[in-house]
N, C-alpha and C. Protein backbone atom coordinates (compact mmCIF):
# COMPACT_ATOMS: atom_id res chain seq x y z
N ALA A 1 72.25 138.07 70.52
CA ALA A 1 71.67 137.28 71.62
C ALA A 1 72.07 135.82 71.51
N LYS A 2 72.04 135.31 70.27
CA LYS A 2 72.43 133.91 70.05
C LYS A 2 73.91 133.70 70.36
N LEU A 3 74.72 134.68 69.97
CA LEU A 3 76.16 134.59 70.23
C LEU A 3 76.45 134.56 71.73
N LYS A 4 75.75 135.40 72.49
CA LYS A 4 75.93 135.45 73.94
C LYS A 4 75.52 134.13 74.59
N SER A 5 74.43 133.57 74.11
CA SER A 5 73.95 132.29 74.64
C SER A 5 74.95 131.17 74.34
N PHE A 6 75.48 131.20 73.11
CA PHE A 6 76.47 130.21 72.69
C PHE A 6 77.77 130.38 73.49
N ALA A 7 78.17 131.62 73.70
CA ALA A 7 79.40 131.92 74.45
C ALA A 7 79.31 131.40 75.88
N ALA A 8 78.13 131.55 76.49
CA ALA A 8 77.92 131.07 77.86
C ALA A 8 78.11 129.56 77.96
N LYS A 9 77.62 128.85 76.95
CA LYS A 9 77.76 127.39 76.93
C LYS A 9 79.22 126.97 76.72
N ILE A 10 79.93 127.70 75.85
CA ILE A 10 81.34 127.42 75.61
C ILE A 10 82.16 127.68 76.87
N ILE A 11 81.83 128.77 77.57
CA ILE A 11 82.54 129.09 78.82
C ILE A 11 82.34 127.97 79.85
N GLN A 12 81.10 127.49 79.96
CA GLN A 12 80.81 126.40 80.90
C GLN A 12 81.60 125.15 80.55
N LEU A 13 81.65 124.86 79.24
CA LEU A 13 82.41 123.71 78.77
C LEU A 13 83.89 123.83 79.11
N LEU A 14 84.47 125.00 78.80
CA LEU A 14 85.89 125.24 79.08
C LEU A 14 86.19 125.21 80.58
N LYS A 15 85.28 125.75 81.36
CA LYS A 15 85.45 125.80 82.82
C LYS A 15 85.52 124.38 83.39
N GLU A 16 84.57 123.55 82.99
CA GLU A 16 84.55 122.17 83.47
C GLU A 16 85.75 121.38 82.95
N TRP A 17 86.13 121.64 81.71
CA TRP A 17 87.28 120.95 81.10
C TRP A 17 88.57 121.30 81.84
N THR A 18 88.81 122.59 82.07
CA THR A 18 90.06 123.02 82.73
C THR A 18 90.12 122.58 84.19
N GLU A 19 88.96 122.47 84.84
CA GLU A 19 88.94 122.04 86.24
C GLU A 19 89.13 120.53 86.38
N THR A 20 88.55 119.78 85.47
CA THR A 20 88.59 118.32 85.57
C THR A 20 89.83 117.72 84.93
N PHE A 21 90.26 118.27 83.80
CA PHE A 21 91.42 117.73 83.09
C PHE A 21 92.45 118.82 82.78
N PRO A 22 93.03 119.44 83.80
CA PRO A 22 93.99 120.53 83.55
C PRO A 22 95.23 120.09 82.78
N TYR A 23 95.61 118.80 82.88
CA TYR A 23 96.80 118.32 82.17
C TYR A 23 96.66 118.40 80.66
N ASP A 24 95.42 118.48 80.18
CA ASP A 24 95.21 118.62 78.74
C ASP A 24 95.78 119.94 78.21
N PHE A 25 96.02 120.87 79.13
CA PHE A 25 96.48 122.21 78.73
C PHE A 25 97.91 122.50 79.19
N GLN A 26 98.67 121.46 79.50
CA GLN A 26 100.00 121.74 80.02
C GLN A 26 101.04 122.04 78.93
N ASP A 27 100.76 121.65 77.68
CA ASP A 27 101.70 122.00 76.62
C ASP A 27 101.31 123.34 75.99
N GLU A 28 102.26 123.99 75.39
CA GLU A 28 102.07 125.34 74.87
C GLU A 28 101.01 125.42 73.77
N LYS A 29 100.94 124.40 72.93
CA LYS A 29 100.00 124.41 71.81
C LYS A 29 98.55 124.46 72.30
N SER A 30 98.20 123.58 73.25
CA SER A 30 96.82 123.54 73.75
C SER A 30 96.49 124.80 74.55
N MET A 31 97.47 125.33 75.28
CA MET A 31 97.25 126.56 76.04
C MET A 31 97.02 127.74 75.09
N LYS A 32 97.75 127.75 73.97
CA LYS A 32 97.59 128.80 72.97
C LYS A 32 96.20 128.75 72.35
N GLU A 33 95.73 127.53 72.06
CA GLU A 33 94.39 127.35 71.49
C GLU A 33 93.31 127.81 72.47
N LEU A 34 93.53 127.51 73.76
CA LEU A 34 92.58 127.93 74.79
C LEU A 34 92.49 129.46 74.84
N LYS A 35 93.64 130.12 74.78
CA LYS A 35 93.67 131.59 74.82
C LYS A 35 93.00 132.20 73.60
N GLU A 36 93.19 131.56 72.44
CA GLU A 36 92.56 132.06 71.21
C GLU A 36 91.04 131.96 71.29
N ILE A 37 90.55 130.82 71.80
CA ILE A 37 89.09 130.65 71.95
C ILE A 37 88.56 131.65 72.96
N ALA A 38 89.29 131.82 74.07
CA ALA A 38 88.88 132.77 75.11
C ALA A 38 88.80 134.19 74.57
N HIS A 39 89.76 134.54 73.74
CA HIS A 39 89.78 135.88 73.15
C HIS A 39 88.57 136.12 72.26
N ARG A 40 88.21 135.12 71.46
CA ARG A 40 87.07 135.24 70.56
C ARG A 40 85.76 135.33 71.34
N ILE A 41 85.68 134.62 72.48
CA ILE A 41 84.46 134.65 73.29
C ILE A 41 84.28 136.02 73.95
N THR A 42 85.38 136.57 74.45
CA THR A 42 85.30 137.88 75.13
C THR A 42 84.81 138.98 74.20
N GLN A 43 85.02 138.82 72.90
CA GLN A 43 84.57 139.82 71.94
C GLN A 43 83.04 139.86 71.84
N CYS A 44 82.38 138.78 72.24
CA CYS A 44 80.92 138.73 72.21
C CYS A 44 80.29 139.52 73.36
N ASP A 45 81.12 139.86 74.35
CA ASP A 45 80.58 140.55 75.52
C ASP A 45 81.53 141.67 75.95
N GLU A 46 81.86 142.53 75.02
CA GLU A 46 82.81 143.61 75.31
C GLU A 46 82.19 144.76 76.12
N GLU A 47 80.84 144.78 76.18
CA GLU A 47 80.16 145.89 76.83
C GLU A 47 80.36 145.91 78.36
N ASN A 48 79.99 144.81 79.04
CA ASN A 48 80.09 144.80 80.50
C ASN A 48 81.33 144.08 81.04
N GLY A 49 82.00 143.31 80.22
CA GLY A 49 83.26 142.66 80.63
C GLY A 49 83.10 141.49 81.58
N THR A 50 81.87 140.97 81.75
CA THR A 50 81.63 139.84 82.66
C THR A 50 82.34 138.58 82.19
N VAL A 51 82.23 138.33 80.89
CA VAL A 51 82.86 137.14 80.31
C VAL A 51 84.38 137.20 80.47
N LYS A 52 84.92 138.39 80.28
CA LYS A 52 86.37 138.57 80.41
C LYS A 52 86.85 138.22 81.81
N LYS A 53 86.08 138.62 82.82
CA LYS A 53 86.43 138.32 84.21
C LYS A 53 86.39 136.81 84.47
N ILE A 54 85.34 136.16 83.95
CA ILE A 54 85.19 134.71 84.14
C ILE A 54 86.33 133.96 83.46
N ILE A 55 86.65 134.36 82.24
CA ILE A 55 87.75 133.74 81.50
C ILE A 55 89.08 133.94 82.22
N SER A 56 89.29 135.14 82.72
CA SER A 56 90.52 135.46 83.45
C SER A 56 90.68 134.61 84.70
N GLN A 57 89.56 134.45 85.44
CA GLN A 57 89.58 133.63 86.66
C GLN A 57 89.82 132.16 86.32
N MET A 58 89.19 131.71 85.24
CA MET A 58 89.35 130.32 84.80
C MET A 58 90.80 130.03 84.44
N THR A 59 91.43 130.94 83.68
CA THR A 59 92.83 130.78 83.28
C THR A 59 93.75 130.78 84.49
N GLN A 60 93.47 131.66 85.44
CA GLN A 60 94.28 131.75 86.65
C GLN A 60 94.19 130.46 87.47
N ASN A 61 92.99 129.93 87.61
CA ASN A 61 92.79 128.67 88.34
C ASN A 61 93.50 127.50 87.65
N LEU A 62 93.46 127.51 86.32
CA LEU A 62 94.14 126.47 85.55
C LEU A 62 95.64 126.51 85.78
N LEU A 63 96.23 127.70 85.71
CA LEU A 63 97.67 127.85 85.92
C LEU A 63 98.07 127.44 87.34
N MET A 64 97.23 127.77 88.32
CA MET A 64 97.50 127.39 89.71
C MET A 64 97.45 125.88 89.88
N ALA A 65 96.48 125.24 89.23
CA ALA A 65 96.35 123.77 89.32
C ALA A 65 97.55 123.08 88.69
N LEU A 66 97.98 123.57 87.53
CA LEU A 66 99.16 122.99 86.87
C LEU A 66 100.42 123.19 87.70
N SER A 67 100.54 124.37 88.30
CA SER A 67 101.71 124.69 89.14
C SER A 67 101.75 123.79 90.38
N ALA A 68 100.58 123.59 91.02
CA ALA A 68 100.50 122.77 92.22
C ALA A 68 100.88 121.32 91.92
N ARG A 69 100.42 120.81 90.80
CA ARG A 69 100.72 119.42 90.44
C ARG A 69 102.18 119.26 90.06
N SER A 70 102.73 120.29 89.43
CA SER A 70 104.15 120.26 89.08
C SER A 70 105.03 120.25 90.33
N GLN A 71 104.65 121.05 91.33
CA GLN A 71 105.38 121.10 92.60
C GLN A 71 105.29 119.77 93.33
N TYR A 72 104.10 119.16 93.31
CA TYR A 72 103.90 117.87 93.96
C TYR A 72 104.79 116.80 93.33
N GLN A 73 104.90 116.85 92.01
CA GLN A 73 105.75 115.89 91.29
C GLN A 73 107.22 116.10 91.65
N GLU A 74 107.64 117.35 91.74
CA GLU A 74 109.03 117.66 92.10
C GLU A 74 109.37 117.15 93.50
N ILE A 75 108.45 117.38 94.44
CA ILE A 75 108.66 116.92 95.82
C ILE A 75 108.74 115.40 95.86
N ARG A 76 107.85 114.75 95.11
CA ARG A 76 107.84 113.29 95.08
C ARG A 76 109.13 112.72 94.50
N GLU A 77 109.66 113.38 93.49
CA GLU A 77 110.91 112.93 92.87
C GLU A 77 112.09 113.07 93.84
N LYS A 78 112.06 114.11 94.68
CA LYS A 78 113.14 114.32 95.64
C LYS A 78 113.19 113.20 96.67
N PHE A 79 112.00 112.72 97.07
CA PHE A 79 111.93 111.68 98.10
C PHE A 79 112.10 110.28 97.53
N ARG A 80 112.07 110.18 96.20
CA ARG A 80 112.27 108.86 95.59
C ARG A 80 113.75 108.49 95.69
N GLN A 81 114.02 107.34 96.24
CA GLN A 81 115.40 106.94 96.50
C GLN A 81 115.60 105.48 96.11
N PRO A 82 116.73 105.14 95.49
CA PRO A 82 116.97 103.74 95.13
C PRO A 82 116.98 102.84 96.36
N VAL A 83 116.52 101.61 96.19
CA VAL A 83 116.46 100.65 97.29
C VAL A 83 117.84 100.34 97.85
N THR A 84 118.84 100.28 96.96
CA THR A 84 120.21 99.97 97.39
C THR A 84 120.74 101.02 98.35
N ASP A 85 120.41 102.28 98.09
CA ASP A 85 120.84 103.37 98.97
C ASP A 85 120.25 103.22 100.37
N LYS A 86 118.99 102.82 100.45
CA LYS A 86 118.33 102.66 101.73
C LYS A 86 119.02 101.58 102.56
N GLY A 87 119.37 100.48 101.90
CA GLY A 87 120.06 99.40 102.60
C GLY A 87 121.42 99.83 103.12
N THR A 88 122.14 100.59 102.32
CA THR A 88 123.46 101.08 102.71
C THR A 88 123.36 102.01 103.91
N ILE A 89 122.37 102.89 103.88
CA ILE A 89 122.18 103.84 104.99
C ILE A 89 121.87 103.09 106.29
N LEU A 90 121.01 102.07 106.19
CA LEU A 90 120.62 101.30 107.37
C LEU A 90 121.81 100.56 107.98
N LYS A 91 122.69 100.04 107.13
CA LYS A 91 123.87 99.31 107.61
C LYS A 91 124.88 100.23 108.27
N THR A 92 125.03 101.43 107.71
CA THR A 92 126.04 102.36 108.23
C THR A 92 125.59 103.08 109.50
N LYS A 93 124.27 103.12 109.75
CA LYS A 93 123.77 103.79 110.95
C LYS A 93 124.07 102.94 112.18
N PRO A 94 124.51 103.54 113.26
CA PRO A 94 124.74 102.80 114.50
C PRO A 94 123.46 102.15 115.01
N GLN A 95 123.57 100.98 115.63
CA GLN A 95 122.41 100.25 116.11
C GLN A 95 121.61 101.06 117.12
N SER A 96 122.29 101.88 117.92
CA SER A 96 121.64 102.67 118.96
C SER A 96 120.71 103.74 118.40
N THR A 97 121.00 104.21 117.18
CA THR A 97 120.19 105.27 116.58
C THR A 97 119.02 104.73 115.77
N GLN A 98 118.96 103.41 115.57
CA GLN A 98 117.87 102.81 114.80
C GLN A 98 116.69 102.53 115.72
N LYS A 99 115.71 103.42 115.71
CA LYS A 99 114.56 103.30 116.60
C LYS A 99 113.48 102.45 115.95
N ASP A 100 112.80 101.65 116.78
CA ASP A 100 111.65 100.91 116.26
C ASP A 100 110.41 101.80 116.35
N ILE A 101 109.33 101.32 115.76
CA ILE A 101 108.12 102.12 115.65
C ILE A 101 107.50 102.42 117.02
N LEU A 102 107.66 101.50 117.98
CA LEU A 102 107.07 101.69 119.30
C LEU A 102 107.74 102.80 120.08
N SER A 103 109.02 103.01 119.82
CA SER A 103 109.73 104.10 120.50
C SER A 103 109.36 105.47 119.92
N VAL A 104 108.85 105.45 118.70
CA VAL A 104 108.43 106.70 118.04
C VAL A 104 106.97 107.01 118.36
N CYS A 105 106.10 105.98 118.25
CA CYS A 105 104.66 106.14 118.52
C CYS A 105 104.12 104.82 119.05
N CYS A 106 103.74 104.80 120.31
CA CYS A 106 103.26 103.56 120.93
C CYS A 106 101.73 103.50 121.01
N ASP A 107 101.05 104.52 120.53
CA ASP A 107 99.59 104.56 120.56
C ASP A 107 99.03 104.15 119.19
N PRO A 108 98.35 103.01 119.11
CA PRO A 108 97.81 102.54 117.82
C PRO A 108 96.88 103.54 117.14
N LEU A 109 96.06 104.24 117.95
CA LEU A 109 95.11 105.20 117.38
C LEU A 109 95.83 106.37 116.71
N ILE A 110 96.86 106.90 117.37
CA ILE A 110 97.62 108.03 116.80
C ILE A 110 98.30 107.61 115.50
N LEU A 111 98.91 106.41 115.51
CA LEU A 111 99.57 105.93 114.28
C LEU A 111 98.55 105.73 113.17
N ALA A 112 97.39 105.18 113.51
CA ALA A 112 96.33 104.98 112.51
C ALA A 112 95.88 106.31 111.92
N GLN A 113 95.77 107.32 112.78
CA GLN A 113 95.38 108.66 112.31
C GLN A 113 96.44 109.25 111.39
N GLN A 114 97.71 109.07 111.73
CA GLN A 114 98.80 109.60 110.90
C GLN A 114 98.82 108.89 109.54
N LEU A 115 98.59 107.59 109.56
CA LEU A 115 98.53 106.82 108.31
C LEU A 115 97.36 107.32 107.44
N THR A 116 96.26 107.67 108.09
CA THR A 116 95.09 108.17 107.36
C THR A 116 95.37 109.52 106.72
N TYR A 117 96.11 110.38 107.43
CA TYR A 117 96.52 111.66 106.84
C TYR A 117 97.33 111.45 105.57
N ILE A 118 98.24 110.48 105.62
CA ILE A 118 99.07 110.17 104.44
C ILE A 118 98.20 109.64 103.30
N GLU A 119 97.26 108.74 103.65
CA GLU A 119 96.34 108.19 102.65
C GLU A 119 95.55 109.31 101.96
N LEU A 120 95.02 110.23 102.77
CA LEU A 120 94.21 111.32 102.23
C LEU A 120 95.04 112.24 101.33
N GLU A 121 96.30 112.46 101.73
CA GLU A 121 97.19 113.31 100.92
C GLU A 121 97.45 112.65 99.57
N ARG A 122 97.66 111.34 99.58
CA ARG A 122 97.90 110.62 98.33
C ARG A 122 96.65 110.61 97.45
N VAL A 123 95.50 110.34 98.07
CA VAL A 123 94.25 110.26 97.32
C VAL A 123 93.86 111.60 96.72
N SER A 124 94.10 112.68 97.49
CA SER A 124 93.71 114.03 97.02
C SER A 124 94.46 114.45 95.77
N ASN A 125 95.57 113.78 95.48
CA ASN A 125 96.36 114.11 94.29
C ASN A 125 96.08 113.17 93.12
N ILE A 126 95.07 112.32 93.26
CA ILE A 126 94.63 111.48 92.14
C ILE A 126 93.44 112.16 91.48
N TYR A 127 93.55 112.40 90.18
CA TYR A 127 92.53 113.15 89.46
C TYR A 127 91.91 112.27 88.38
N PRO A 128 90.74 112.67 87.88
CA PRO A 128 90.07 111.87 86.83
C PRO A 128 90.99 111.55 85.65
N GLU A 129 91.86 112.52 85.30
CA GLU A 129 92.73 112.31 84.14
C GLU A 129 93.75 111.18 84.38
N ASP A 130 94.13 110.95 85.65
CA ASP A 130 95.02 109.84 85.96
C ASP A 130 94.34 108.52 85.64
N LEU A 131 93.05 108.43 85.98
CA LEU A 131 92.29 107.22 85.69
C LEU A 131 92.04 107.09 84.19
N MET A 132 91.75 108.22 83.54
CA MET A 132 91.51 108.20 82.10
C MET A 132 92.76 107.78 81.32
N GLN A 133 93.93 108.18 81.84
CA GLN A 133 95.18 107.82 81.20
C GLN A 133 95.38 106.30 81.21
N ILE A 134 95.00 105.68 82.33
CA ILE A 134 95.08 104.22 82.43
C ILE A 134 94.08 103.57 81.47
N VAL A 135 92.85 104.05 81.49
CA VAL A 135 91.78 103.48 80.65
C VAL A 135 92.12 103.60 79.17
N SER A 136 92.71 104.74 78.79
CA SER A 136 93.02 104.97 77.38
C SER A 136 94.11 104.04 76.86
N HIS A 137 94.88 103.45 77.77
CA HIS A 137 95.95 102.55 77.35
C HIS A 137 95.62 101.08 77.63
N MET A 138 94.35 100.82 77.94
CA MET A 138 93.94 99.44 78.20
C MET A 138 93.76 98.68 76.88
N ASP A 139 94.22 97.47 76.89
CA ASP A 139 94.02 96.62 75.71
C ASP A 139 93.14 95.45 76.15
N SER A 140 91.90 95.48 75.77
CA SER A 140 90.95 94.46 76.22
C SER A 140 91.32 93.07 75.72
N MET A 141 92.10 92.99 74.64
CA MET A 141 92.50 91.70 74.08
C MET A 141 93.75 91.15 74.76
N ASP A 142 94.32 91.92 75.70
CA ASP A 142 95.57 91.49 76.33
C ASP A 142 95.42 91.49 77.85
N ASN A 143 94.34 90.89 78.33
CA ASN A 143 94.09 90.75 79.77
C ASN A 143 94.13 92.09 80.51
N HIS A 144 93.72 93.13 79.84
CA HIS A 144 93.65 94.46 80.46
C HIS A 144 94.98 94.96 81.00
N LYS A 145 96.05 94.62 80.32
CA LYS A 145 97.36 95.13 80.74
C LYS A 145 97.59 96.51 80.14
N CYS A 146 98.20 97.39 80.92
CA CYS A 146 98.46 98.74 80.43
C CYS A 146 99.65 98.71 79.48
N ARG A 147 99.57 99.51 78.45
CA ARG A 147 100.67 99.57 77.50
C ARG A 147 100.89 101.02 77.08
N GLY A 148 102.01 101.26 76.47
CA GLY A 148 102.31 102.61 76.00
C GLY A 148 102.81 103.52 77.09
N ASP A 149 102.78 104.81 76.83
CA ASP A 149 103.29 105.81 77.75
C ASP A 149 102.24 106.14 78.81
N VAL A 150 102.52 105.76 80.05
CA VAL A 150 101.59 106.05 81.15
C VAL A 150 102.29 106.89 82.21
N THR A 151 103.20 107.75 81.77
CA THR A 151 103.97 108.57 82.71
C THR A 151 103.09 109.58 83.44
N LYS A 152 101.94 109.94 82.88
CA LYS A 152 101.07 110.92 83.52
C LYS A 152 100.38 110.35 84.75
N THR A 153 100.43 109.04 84.95
CA THR A 153 99.72 108.41 86.05
C THR A 153 100.59 108.27 87.29
N TYR A 154 101.56 109.15 87.47
CA TYR A 154 102.46 109.02 88.61
C TYR A 154 101.73 109.17 89.94
N ASN A 155 100.58 109.83 89.96
CA ASN A 155 99.83 109.97 91.20
C ASN A 155 99.25 108.62 91.64
N LEU A 156 98.79 107.84 90.67
CA LEU A 156 98.31 106.50 90.98
C LEU A 156 99.47 105.61 91.41
N GLU A 157 100.61 105.76 90.74
CA GLU A 157 101.80 104.99 91.09
C GLU A 157 102.27 105.31 92.50
N ALA A 158 102.20 106.60 92.86
CA ALA A 158 102.61 107.02 94.20
C ALA A 158 101.72 106.38 95.26
N TYR A 159 100.43 106.31 94.96
CA TYR A 159 99.48 105.70 95.90
C TYR A 159 99.75 104.20 96.03
N ASP A 160 100.02 103.57 94.91
CA ASP A 160 100.33 102.14 94.91
C ASP A 160 101.65 101.87 95.65
N ASN A 161 102.64 102.72 95.42
CA ASN A 161 103.94 102.56 96.09
C ASN A 161 103.81 102.75 97.60
N TRP A 162 102.94 103.67 98.02
CA TRP A 162 102.73 103.90 99.44
C TRP A 162 102.18 102.63 100.11
N PHE A 163 101.25 101.95 99.45
CA PHE A 163 100.70 100.69 99.97
C PHE A 163 101.82 99.68 100.19
N ASN A 164 102.70 99.53 99.19
CA ASN A 164 103.82 98.59 99.29
C ASN A 164 104.81 98.99 100.37
N CYS A 165 105.06 100.30 100.50
CA CYS A 165 106.00 100.80 101.51
C CYS A 165 105.48 100.51 102.92
N LEU A 166 104.18 100.70 103.12
CA LEU A 166 103.60 100.44 104.43
C LEU A 166 103.67 98.95 104.77
N SER A 167 103.40 98.10 103.80
CA SER A 167 103.50 96.66 104.01
C SER A 167 104.93 96.26 104.39
N MET A 168 105.90 96.83 103.68
CA MET A 168 107.31 96.52 103.96
C MET A 168 107.74 97.05 105.32
N LEU A 169 107.21 98.22 105.70
CA LEU A 169 107.53 98.80 107.00
C LEU A 169 107.06 97.88 108.12
N VAL A 170 105.83 97.39 108.01
CA VAL A 170 105.27 96.48 109.02
C VAL A 170 106.10 95.21 109.13
N ALA A 171 106.40 94.62 107.98
CA ALA A 171 107.20 93.38 107.97
C ALA A 171 108.59 93.61 108.55
N THR A 172 109.20 94.73 108.20
CA THR A 172 110.55 95.05 108.69
C THR A 172 110.55 95.26 110.19
N GLU A 173 109.57 96.03 110.69
CA GLU A 173 109.49 96.32 112.13
C GLU A 173 109.32 95.04 112.95
N ILE A 174 108.58 94.09 112.40
CA ILE A 174 108.36 92.82 113.12
C ILE A 174 109.60 91.93 113.05
N CYS A 175 110.18 91.82 111.86
CA CYS A 175 111.30 90.89 111.66
C CYS A 175 112.61 91.37 112.28
N ARG A 176 112.77 92.67 112.46
CA ARG A 176 114.03 93.17 113.00
C ARG A 176 114.15 92.95 114.51
N VAL A 177 113.00 92.67 115.18
CA VAL A 177 113.03 92.41 116.62
C VAL A 177 113.51 90.98 116.84
N VAL A 178 114.50 90.83 117.71
CA VAL A 178 115.14 89.53 117.92
C VAL A 178 114.34 88.64 118.88
N LYS A 179 113.95 89.19 120.04
CA LYS A 179 113.28 88.39 121.06
C LYS A 179 111.83 88.10 120.68
N LYS A 180 111.40 86.86 120.96
CA LYS A 180 110.05 86.43 120.60
C LYS A 180 108.98 87.25 121.29
N LYS A 181 109.19 87.56 122.58
CA LYS A 181 108.20 88.32 123.35
C LYS A 181 108.00 89.71 122.75
N GLN A 182 109.11 90.33 122.37
CA GLN A 182 109.03 91.67 121.77
C GLN A 182 108.38 91.61 120.39
N ARG A 183 108.69 90.53 119.68
CA ARG A 183 108.11 90.37 118.33
C ARG A 183 106.60 90.16 118.42
N THR A 184 106.18 89.40 119.42
CA THR A 184 104.74 89.20 119.66
C THR A 184 104.06 90.52 119.98
N ARG A 185 104.73 91.31 120.81
CA ARG A 185 104.18 92.62 121.17
C ARG A 185 104.05 93.50 119.93
N MET A 186 105.04 93.43 119.02
CA MET A 186 105.02 94.22 117.80
C MET A 186 103.87 93.79 116.89
N VAL A 187 103.67 92.48 116.77
CA VAL A 187 102.57 91.95 115.96
C VAL A 187 101.22 92.43 116.52
N GLU A 188 101.07 92.33 117.83
CA GLU A 188 99.84 92.77 118.48
C GLU A 188 99.60 94.27 118.29
N PHE A 189 100.69 95.03 118.32
CA PHE A 189 100.59 96.48 118.13
C PHE A 189 100.04 96.80 116.74
N PHE A 190 100.57 96.12 115.72
CA PHE A 190 100.11 96.39 114.35
C PHE A 190 98.69 95.88 114.12
N ILE A 191 98.30 94.82 114.85
CA ILE A 191 96.91 94.36 114.78
C ILE A 191 95.98 95.46 115.32
N ASP A 192 96.41 96.07 116.42
CA ASP A 192 95.63 97.18 117.00
C ASP A 192 95.58 98.38 116.05
N VAL A 193 96.70 98.67 115.38
CA VAL A 193 96.74 99.78 114.41
C VAL A 193 95.77 99.50 113.26
N ALA A 194 95.79 98.25 112.76
CA ALA A 194 94.89 97.86 111.67
C ALA A 194 93.43 97.98 112.11
N ARG A 195 93.15 97.63 113.38
CA ARG A 195 91.79 97.74 113.90
C ARG A 195 91.35 99.21 113.97
N GLU A 196 92.26 100.06 114.41
CA GLU A 196 91.95 101.50 114.48
C GLU A 196 91.75 102.08 113.08
N CYS A 197 92.54 101.61 112.11
CA CYS A 197 92.37 102.04 110.72
C CYS A 197 90.99 101.65 110.22
N PHE A 198 90.55 100.45 110.59
CA PHE A 198 89.22 99.97 110.21
C PHE A 198 88.14 100.86 110.80
N ASN A 199 88.30 101.22 112.08
CA ASN A 199 87.32 102.07 112.76
C ASN A 199 87.23 103.45 112.12
N ILE A 200 88.37 103.96 111.65
CA ILE A 200 88.40 105.28 110.99
C ILE A 200 87.78 105.20 109.60
N GLY A 201 87.90 104.02 108.98
CA GLY A 201 87.46 103.87 107.60
C GLY A 201 88.61 103.87 106.62
N ASN A 202 89.83 103.73 107.15
CA ASN A 202 91.04 103.71 106.31
C ASN A 202 91.35 102.25 105.95
N PHE A 203 90.61 101.72 104.98
CA PHE A 203 90.74 100.31 104.64
C PHE A 203 92.02 100.01 103.84
N ASN A 204 92.55 101.00 103.16
CA ASN A 204 93.78 100.78 102.38
C ASN A 204 94.97 100.50 103.30
N SER A 205 95.13 101.33 104.34
CA SER A 205 96.21 101.09 105.31
C SER A 205 95.99 99.78 106.05
N MET A 206 94.73 99.49 106.37
CA MET A 206 94.41 98.24 107.06
C MET A 206 94.86 97.03 106.24
N MET A 207 94.56 97.06 104.94
CA MET A 207 94.95 95.93 104.07
C MET A 207 96.47 95.86 103.90
N ALA A 208 97.12 97.01 103.86
CA ALA A 208 98.59 97.03 103.73
C ALA A 208 99.23 96.39 104.96
N ILE A 209 98.69 96.69 106.14
CA ILE A 209 99.22 96.12 107.39
C ILE A 209 98.96 94.61 107.41
N ILE A 210 97.77 94.21 107.02
CA ILE A 210 97.44 92.77 107.00
C ILE A 210 98.36 92.02 106.04
């Protein structure tokens, strides 16, 4: 009876651990240790097999979470492009094919909504372990600057990069317009987009535009 009670607590601990910090189990050694513990726990409840089912579901969810994050990282790496390449592409493209933002979407509300979708997608991929990785490398004696290997925080970096990309997009769209009247219209358009972002509650995009 005591073993079963203890096993239930261990299962709860492992379940919360694998759901909150799945990256802790991405290397083979930690995954092997998890399987060994799971195997020993299942022996405490060999009669009805309930524990075995819970452990099996937990392991499956963990593998799915690791796979999803790995795929997200691969996709992000594909879209990462050197700045020099972007400049070269822009120069080689004919002027007629270079569309401004108003020709693509002239409704501030729709653009604000699309920006919010992007924000939510970026935020949904930030996990507690990304924040813990930053905290674990903080040096309080060095003005809270991050040090060491922080490669696991690429989700936070992606979110930060998106803020900078949006700011650069706004500045580029305004500065590339030659006529003052058109430039004024572009500035007013982005003010309206920022206002719509505020109304939605998307303060990150609003600040990036500002």
